[in-house]
Amino acid sequence: MVLAAAGSIFSTAVVGGVLLAVVLLIIRSMWKKKKRTGSCAGCSCGCGDCPHSRG
């Protein structure tokens, strides 16, 4: 019985670790994309230095 419980805890930890890694990769990708495109992607704020400004 103890072995089954340990196996369950281990498998839960593995699945949790994989999900955490996926979330971190998604956040990293979003961070890099934001740095590449700038902070105001797609806005029409009218800022002079904004690459997406319509002004």
Protein backbone atom coordinates (compact mmCIF):
# COMPACT_ATOMS: atom_id res chain seq x y z
CA MET A 1 0.00 0.00 0.00
CA VAL A 2 2.83 2.41 0.80
CA LEU A 3 4.45 1.69 -2.56
CA ALA A 4 1.23 2.56 -4.39
CA ALA A 5 0.94 5.85 -2.50
CA ALA A 6 4.56 6.72 -3.28
CA GLY A 7 3.96 5.95 -6.95
CA SER A 8 0.91 8.19 -6.97
CA ILE A 9 2.82 11.05 -5.38
CA PHE A 10 5.68 10.58 -7.85
CA SER A 11 3.39 10.56 -10.89
CA THR A 12 1.56 13.64 -9.63
CA ALA A 13 4.87 15.43 -9.15
CA VAL A 14 6.01 14.48 -12.66
CA VAL A 15 2.78 15.69 -14.25
CA GLY A 16 2.92 18.90 -12.20
CA GLY A 17 6.52 19.47 -13.24
CA VAL A 18 5.70 19.00 -16.91
CA LEU A 19 2.76 21.41 -16.67
CA LEU A 20 4.93 23.97 -14.87
CA ALA A 21 7.57 23.69 -17.58
CA VAL A 22 4.96 24.24 -20.31
CA VAL A 23 3.57 27.31 -18.54
CA LEU A 24 7.06 28.73 -18.08
CA LEU A 25 7.85 28.21 -21.76
CA ILE A 26 4.65 29.99 -22.77
CA ILE A 27 5.42 32.92 -20.46
CA ARG A 28 8.99 33.09 -21.80
CA SER A 29 7.70 33.13 -25.37
CA MET A 30 5.23 35.91 -24.57
CA TRP A 31 7.96 37.90 -22.80
CA LYS A 32 10.32 37.62 -25.79
CA LYS A 33 7.55 38.60 -28.21
CA LYS A 34 6.65 41.62 -26.09
CA LYS A 35 10.29 42.74 -25.95
CA ARG A 36 10.61 42.31 -29.72
CA THR A 37 7.42 44.24 -30.62
CA GLY A 38 7.48 46.85 -27.88
CA SER A 39 5.23 47.56 -24.96
CA CYS A 40 2.24 48.92 -26.87
CA ALA A 41 1.59 46.34 -29.55
CA GLY A 42 -1.26 47.34 -31.80
CA CYS A 43 -2.44 50.40 -29.87
CA SER A 44 -3.34 53.78 -31.31
CA CYS A 45 -1.99 55.82 -28.43
CA GLY A 46 -0.35 58.48 -30.57
CA CYS A 47 3.00 58.29 -28.77
CA GLY A 48 5.85 59.74 -30.82
CA ASP A 49 8.20 56.82 -30.27
CA CYS A 50 5.56 54.10 -30.57
CA PRO A 51 6.15 51.91 -33.65
CA HIS A 52 2.43 51.12 -33.79
CA SER A 53 1.21 54.69 -33.54
CA ARG A 54 -1.24 55.87 -36.19
CA GLY A 55 -0.22 59.47 -35.66
